[in-house]
Amino acid sequence: MTTSTPESRATEVKARAAALGFDACGIAEAGPIDPDDRLGQWLAQGYHADMDWMDATRPLRQDIRLKLPGACSVVVLAANYYAPRPECQPHTGRVSRYAWGRDYHNALRKPLRALAAYIEEMGEAEKSYCCIDTGPVLERAWAERASVGWTGKNTMLIHPEMGSWLFLSVIAATVELSPDAPAIGRCGTCTACMDACPTGAIVAPGVLDARRCIAYHTVESRGDVPEDLAPAFGDWLFGCDACQEACPWNRKAAETSNADFRPRQGHANPGLDQWESMSEEEFKERFAGSPIRRARYTGMRRNAAIVKKNNSL
């Protein structure tokens, strides 16, 4: 393949990304992504809770060139996962939208790698690094730099047409691609997301304290939930969409065209009673290939007990 300029290569990359099913694609120049050390300040406050890997990989997160020496460009992809919530039945708990269908890591891995291979073929001995939020990459910061969207006050990336119901993927590459202009924030004076947070986890615009976040406690945390926070969880069984549901930019979100992200039977609003009798083997079988597996069997039983107690209050 022969392409003569960074501009033409960028155009080809975006066209291929669309053909592979991505809903948005932007490009940024590789380099330091956190010049003001906002990540360091956030970590110093302890807002990362027990997610110590974020501190351990801080240098890599702040400069992707340490992960891929010689990187010139960062390609950011977005995939829309929005679907309307199925009707809730009594004695059920709510699951965050992103976990209703197939695990997005599995769904996006093949097209992401295909795009990375396509980029590598644009020159001789070119290299790339792919990430779907499991590597030491500040995806939202790169997405903002690449004009895919801006970071809202709830720290979620907001696309002007698709809102914040997006999965982000990143490809760092040694190929030189023409970058897009950084996105400009459009939240204005709105604080709907902050006001909607049941636990007050959004402690300042763009600053989230994971120690108070329902999504952190129901998905990432392996310990007990603080007694003062549990009542505020309401019926959130896995994750929390409160801040996104309150965001005005999500009012006209289009439904995803990707069948992998549509709700599987019983995954959006699982019944609560089943968790007392469900075995770990049954859990693994029922939620095979689902993001819900992230919380593990013991975590989901813990979450269900909290929701059942909240429902009885």
Protein backbone atom coordinates (compact mmCIF):
# COMPACT_ATOMS: atom_id res chain seq x y z
CA MET A 1 0.00 0.00 0.00
CA THR A 2 1.37 3.42 -0.91
CA THR A 3 0.06 6.62 0.64
CA SER A 4 1.96 9.84 0.14
CA THR A 5 0.95 12.21 2.92
CA PRO A 6 -0.15 12.17 6.58
CA GLU A 7 -3.42 13.76 5.45
CA SER A 8 -4.26 11.05 2.92
CA ARG A 9 -3.27 8.31 5.37
CA ALA A 10 -5.53 9.81 8.04
CA THR A 11 -8.45 9.89 5.59
CA GLU A 12 -7.88 6.24 4.73
CA VAL A 13 -7.70 5.21 8.38
CA LYS A 14 -11.01 6.91 9.17
CA ALA A 15 -12.68 5.29 6.17
CA ARG A 16 -11.43 1.86 7.19
CA ALA A 17 -12.55 2.44 10.80
CA ALA A 18 -16.07 3.21 9.60
CA ALA A 19 -16.05 0.11 7.37
CA LEU A 20 -15.05 -2.00 10.38
CA GLY A 21 -18.08 -0.76 12.33
CA PHE A 22 -16.71 2.01 14.52
CA ASP A 23 -19.05 4.97 14.98
CA ALA A 24 -16.37 7.66 15.33
CA CYS A 25 -12.65 7.97 14.72
CA GLY A 26 -10.22 10.75 15.58
CA ILE A 27 -6.46 11.18 15.48
CA ALA A 28 -4.00 12.94 17.78
CA GLU A 29 -0.27 13.45 17.75
CA ALA A 30 1.53 11.15 20.19
CA GLY A 31 3.20 12.83 23.14
CA PRO A 32 2.57 13.83 26.77
CA ILE A 33 -1.18 13.77 27.43
CA ASP A 34 -1.26 15.11 31.00
CA PRO A 35 1.03 18.18 31.13
CA ASP A 36 -0.66 19.53 34.26
CA ASP A 37 -0.27 16.20 36.10
CA ARG A 38 -3.99 15.95 36.83
CA LEU A 39 -3.60 12.20 37.17
CA GLY A 40 -0.91 12.66 39.80
CA GLN A 41 -3.07 15.08 41.76
CA TRP A 42 -6.03 12.69 41.58
CA LEU A 43 -3.91 9.79 42.80
CA ALA A 44 -2.46 11.89 45.62
CA GLN A 45 -6.00 12.46 46.92
CA GLY A 46 -6.58 8.72 47.09
CA TYR A 47 -9.50 8.99 44.68
CA HIS A 48 -8.42 5.78 42.92
CA ALA A 49 -9.44 3.72 46.00
CA ASP A 50 -7.53 0.41 45.87
CA MET A 51 -6.90 0.47 42.12
CA ASP A 52 -3.16 0.63 42.74
CA TRP A 53 -2.29 -0.35 39.18
CA MET A 54 -3.20 3.17 38.11
CA ASP A 55 -0.45 4.59 40.28
CA ALA A 56 2.04 1.92 39.24
CA THR A 57 1.54 2.72 35.55
CA ARG A 58 1.31 6.50 35.91
CA PRO A 59 4.31 7.37 33.67
CA LEU A 60 3.00 5.15 30.85
CA ARG A 61 -0.47 6.67 31.14
CA GLN A 62 0.89 10.18 30.87
CA ASP A 63 3.07 9.51 27.80
CA ILE A 64 2.07 6.70 25.46
CA ARG A 65 5.47 6.85 23.77
CA LEU A 66 6.88 5.02 26.79
CA LYS A 67 4.58 2.12 25.90
CA LEU A 68 5.36 2.30 22.18
CA PRO A 69 8.74 3.94 21.49
CA GLY A 70 8.65 5.86 18.25
CA ALA A 71 4.90 6.40 18.34
CA CYS A 72 3.81 9.32 16.14
CA SER A 73 0.03 9.05 16.16
CA VAL A 74 -2.81 7.98 18.42
CA VAL A 75 -6.01 6.80 16.76
CA VAL A 76 -9.12 6.86 18.96
CA LEU A 77 -12.22 4.85 18.08
CA ALA A 78 -15.71 5.08 19.58
CA ALA A 79 -18.48 2.48 19.42
CA ASN A 80 -22.05 3.33 20.43
CA TYR A 81 -23.64 0.86 22.87
CA TYR A 82 -26.91 2.63 23.70
CA ALA A 83 -30.10 0.58 23.87
CA PRO A 84 -33.38 1.34 25.68
CA ARG A 85 -33.76 -0.38 29.03
CA PRO A 86 -36.16 -3.36 28.94
CA GLU A 87 -39.21 -3.11 31.18
CA CYS A 88 -38.30 -3.74 34.81
CA GLN A 89 -40.08 -6.49 36.70
CA PRO A 90 -40.60 -6.50 40.49
CA HIS A 91 -37.77 -7.77 42.70
CA THR A 92 -35.02 -7.06 40.21
CA GLY A 93 -31.85 -5.01 40.24
CA ARG A 94 -30.48 -2.70 37.57
CA VAL A 95 -27.32 -3.33 35.55
CA SER A 96 -25.38 -0.57 33.81
CA ARG A 97 -26.08 -0.37 30.06
CA TYR A 98 -22.56 -1.24 29.00
CA ALA A 99 -22.92 -4.72 30.52
CA TRP A 100 -26.19 -5.83 28.92
CA GLY A 101 -24.67 -7.60 25.94
CA ARG A 102 -21.44 -9.24 24.93
CA ASP A 103 -18.26 -8.13 26.68
CA TYR A 104 -17.06 -5.16 24.65
CA HIS A 105 -13.44 -6.22 24.93
CA ASN A 106 -14.26 -9.37 23.00
CA ALA A 107 -16.60 -7.62 20.57
CA LEU A 108 -14.14 -4.87 19.63
CA ARG A 109 -10.87 -6.78 19.70
CA LYS A 110 -11.07 -8.21 16.17
CA PRO A 111 -11.98 -4.96 14.33
CA LEU A 112 -9.46 -3.01 16.42
CA ARG A 113 -6.64 -5.39 15.53
CA ALA A 114 -7.71 -5.33 11.90
CA LEU A 115 -7.43 -1.54 11.85
CA ALA A 116 -4.05 -1.68 13.59
CA ALA A 117 -2.77 -4.12 10.95
CA TYR A 118 -4.08 -1.83 8.22
CA ILE A 119 -2.17 1.11 9.74
CA GLU A 120 1.04 -0.89 10.05
CA GLU A 121 0.87 -1.71 6.33
CA MET A 122 1.13 1.99 5.51
CA GLY A 123 4.91 1.86 5.79
CA GLU A 124 7.87 -0.41 6.30
CA ALA A 125 8.53 -1.88 9.76
CA GLU A 126 5.71 0.15 11.30
CA LYS A 127 4.45 -0.85 14.75
CA SER A 128 1.30 -0.29 16.77
CA TYR A 129 -0.17 -0.85 20.21
CA CYS A 130 -3.89 -1.53 20.77
CA CYS A 131 -5.90 -0.94 23.92
CA ILE A 132 -9.56 -1.32 24.92
CA ASP A 133 -9.36 0.23 28.43
CA THR A 134 -7.23 -2.58 29.86
CA GLY A 135 -3.81 -1.01 29.19
CA PRO A 136 -2.01 2.00 30.71
CA VAL A 137 -3.72 4.56 28.47
CA LEU A 138 -5.80 7.65 29.34
CA GLU A 139 -8.41 6.90 26.69
CA ARG A 140 -10.72 9.81 27.45
CA ALA A 141 -7.91 12.34 27.43
CA TRP A 142 -6.76 11.00 24.07
CA ALA A 143 -10.33 11.02 22.75
CA GLU A 144 -10.62 14.68 23.67
CA ARG A 145 -7.25 15.44 22.04
CA ALA A 146 -8.39 13.56 18.92
CA SER A 147 -11.70 15.48 18.71
CA VAL A 148 -13.89 12.42 19.34
CA GLY A 149 -15.61 14.29 22.15
CA TRP A 150 -15.01 16.28 25.32
CA THR A 151 -14.77 15.17 28.94
CA GLY A 152 -17.93 15.94 30.88
CA LYS A 153 -18.12 16.96 34.52
CA ASN A 154 -18.82 13.31 35.40
CA THR A 155 -15.48 12.41 33.70
CA MET A 156 -17.31 10.57 30.89
CA LEU A 157 -16.49 11.36 27.28
CA ILE A 158 -19.37 13.11 25.47
CA HIS A 159 -19.81 12.97 21.71
CA PRO A 160 -22.04 15.78 20.38
CA GLU A 161 -24.32 13.36 18.50
CA MET A 162 -23.99 10.06 20.41
CA GLY A 163 -23.72 11.36 23.95
CA SER A 164 -21.64 9.35 26.40
CA TRP A 165 -22.86 5.80 25.71
CA LEU A 166 -19.56 4.95 24.04
CA PHE A 167 -16.85 2.33 24.22
CA LEU A 168 -13.41 3.77 23.51
CA SER A 169 -10.49 2.01 21.86
CA VAL A 170 -7.01 3.35 21.16
CA ILE A 171 -4.27 2.51 18.66
CA ALA A 172 -0.85 4.07 19.07
CA ALA A 173 1.20 3.81 15.88
CA THR A 174 4.61 4.75 14.53
CA VAL A 175 2.91 5.90 11.33
CA GLU A 176 2.56 9.67 10.92
CA LEU A 177 -1.10 10.61 10.51
CA SER A 178 -2.54 14.11 10.27
CA PRO A 179 -4.06 14.98 13.68
CA ASP A 180 -7.48 16.48 14.36
CA ALA A 181 -8.00 19.63 16.40
CA PRO A 182 -8.78 18.96 20.09
CA ALA A 183 -12.44 18.97 21.08
CA ILE A 184 -13.86 21.94 22.97
CA GLY A 185 -15.99 21.34 26.07
CA ARG A 186 -19.69 22.08 25.67
CA CYS A 187 -21.12 21.40 29.12
CA GLY A 188 -21.31 25.07 30.04
CA THR A 189 -22.83 25.70 33.46
CA CYS A 190 -24.80 22.44 33.52
CA THR A 191 -24.28 20.32 36.65
CA ALA A 192 -27.01 17.72 36.01
CA CYS A 193 -24.59 14.79 36.27
CA MET A 194 -23.11 16.02 39.53
CA ASP A 195 -26.53 16.66 41.03
CA ALA A 196 -27.75 13.19 40.02
CA CYS A 197 -24.96 11.18 41.65
CA PRO A 198 -26.61 9.30 44.55
CA THR A 199 -23.43 9.22 46.64
CA GLY A 200 -21.81 12.56 45.78
CA ALA A 201 -18.88 10.80 44.12
CA ILE A 202 -18.32 13.66 41.64
CA VAL A 203 -16.53 15.91 44.10
CA ALA A 204 -15.73 18.66 41.57
CA PRO A 205 -16.25 19.15 37.83
CA GLY A 206 -14.22 16.42 36.15
CA VAL A 207 -13.11 14.85 39.44
CA LEU A 208 -14.50 11.48 40.57
CA ASP A 209 -13.80 9.94 43.97
CA ALA A 210 -13.97 6.20 43.29
CA ARG A 211 -14.28 5.54 47.01
CA ARG A 212 -17.83 6.91 46.82
CA CYS A 213 -18.75 5.62 43.35
CA ILE A 214 -21.43 2.94 43.01
CA ALA A 215 -19.85 1.61 39.83
CA TYR A 216 -16.52 1.11 41.58
CA HIS A 217 -18.01 -0.67 44.58
CA THR A 218 -20.33 -2.95 42.61
CA VAL A 219 -17.81 -3.89 39.91
CA GLU A 220 -14.18 -3.35 40.94
CA SER A 221 -14.15 -3.57 44.72
CA ARG A 222 -13.73 -7.01 46.31
CA GLY A 223 -14.37 -5.87 49.86
CA ASP A 224 -17.36 -4.82 51.90
CA VAL A 225 -19.35 -1.75 50.88
CA PRO A 226 -19.18 1.11 53.43
CA GLU A 227 -22.35 1.09 55.54
CA ASP A 228 -22.97 4.79 54.97
CA LEU A 229 -22.98 4.34 51.18
CA ALA A 230 -24.97 1.13 50.74
CA PRO A 231 -28.47 2.68 51.17
CA ALA A 232 -27.70 5.16 48.36
CA PHE A 233 -27.07 2.30 45.93
CA GLY A 234 -30.82 1.88 45.51
CA ASP A 235 -31.39 -0.97 43.06
CA TRP A 236 -28.06 -0.75 41.24
CA LEU A 237 -26.85 -4.34 41.12
CA PHE A 238 -23.90 -3.84 38.77
CA GLY A 239 -22.50 -0.45 37.83
CA CYS A 240 -24.44 2.80 37.81
CA ASP A 241 -25.75 5.04 35.01
CA ALA A 242 -27.23 7.81 37.15
CA CYS A 243 -24.90 10.56 35.96
CA GLN A 244 -25.22 9.54 32.31
CA GLU A 245 -29.01 9.26 32.42
CA ALA A 246 -29.15 12.82 33.77
CA CYS A 247 -26.92 14.26 31.03
CA PRO A 248 -28.84 16.39 28.47
CA TRP A 249 -26.50 15.23 25.71
CA ASN A 250 -27.88 11.70 26.11
CA ARG A 251 -31.53 12.61 25.58
CA LYS A 252 -31.44 11.94 21.85
CA ALA A 253 -28.95 9.09 21.79
CA ALA A 254 -29.38 6.81 18.79
CA GLU A 255 -29.66 3.07 19.34
CA THR A 256 -26.59 1.00 18.64
CA SER A 257 -26.44 -0.88 15.36
CA ASN A 258 -24.14 -3.50 16.89
CA ALA A 259 -26.10 -6.60 17.89
CA ASP A 260 -23.36 -7.54 20.39
CA PHE A 261 -24.33 -4.60 22.60
CA ARG A 262 -28.07 -5.23 22.70
CA PRO A 263 -29.46 -6.64 25.97
CA ARG A 264 -29.28 -10.36 26.54
CA GLN A 265 -32.28 -11.95 28.23
CA GLY A 266 -32.33 -11.07 31.92
CA HIS A 267 -29.04 -9.17 31.89
CA ALA A 268 -30.43 -5.64 32.17
CA ASN A 269 -32.61 -6.32 35.21
CA PRO A 270 -31.65 -9.62 36.87
CA GLY A 271 -33.98 -11.03 39.51
CA LEU A 272 -32.75 -10.73 43.08
CA ASP A 273 -33.96 -14.00 44.56
CA GLN A 274 -31.88 -16.14 42.22
CA TRP A 275 -28.57 -15.08 43.77
CA GLU A 276 -29.18 -16.92 47.04
CA SER A 277 -29.52 -20.29 45.32
CA MET A 278 -27.30 -19.76 42.27
CA SER A 279 -24.03 -21.71 42.38
CA GLU A 280 -20.75 -20.28 41.17
CA GLU A 281 -20.78 -22.71 38.24
CA GLU A 282 -24.27 -21.53 37.27
CA PHE A 283 -23.13 -17.93 37.50
CA LYS A 284 -20.19 -18.55 35.19
CA GLU A 285 -22.37 -20.38 32.69
CA ARG A 286 -25.23 -17.86 32.66
CA PHE A 287 -22.99 -14.82 32.35
CA ALA A 288 -20.34 -16.31 30.07
CA GLY A 289 -18.96 -13.64 27.74
CA SER A 290 -20.65 -10.87 29.75
CA PRO A 291 -19.03 -7.88 31.51
CA ILE A 292 -21.03 -8.92 34.58
CA ARG A 293 -18.40 -11.60 35.17
CA ARG A 294 -16.07 -8.74 36.15
CA ALA A 295 -17.74 -8.45 39.58
CA ARG A 296 -17.28 -12.17 40.22
CA TYR A 297 -19.74 -14.50 41.88
CA THR A 298 -19.09 -13.28 45.42
CA GLY A 299 -19.35 -9.66 44.34
CA MET A 300 -22.74 -10.14 42.69
CA ARG A 301 -24.11 -11.98 45.73
CA ARG A 302 -22.90 -9.10 47.91
CA ASN A 303 -24.52 -6.56 45.58
CA ALA A 304 -27.81 -8.47 45.47
CA ALA A 305 -27.97 -8.55 49.27
CA ILE A 306 -27.53 -4.77 49.37
CA VAL A 307 -30.26 -4.18 46.78
CA LYS A 308 -32.67 -6.54 48.56
CA LYS A 309 -32.09 -4.68 51.82
CA ASN A 310 -32.63 -1.34 50.09
CA ASN A 311 -35.89 -2.59 48.57
CA SER A 312 -37.18 -3.50 52.04
CA LEU A 313 -36.46 -0.08 53.53
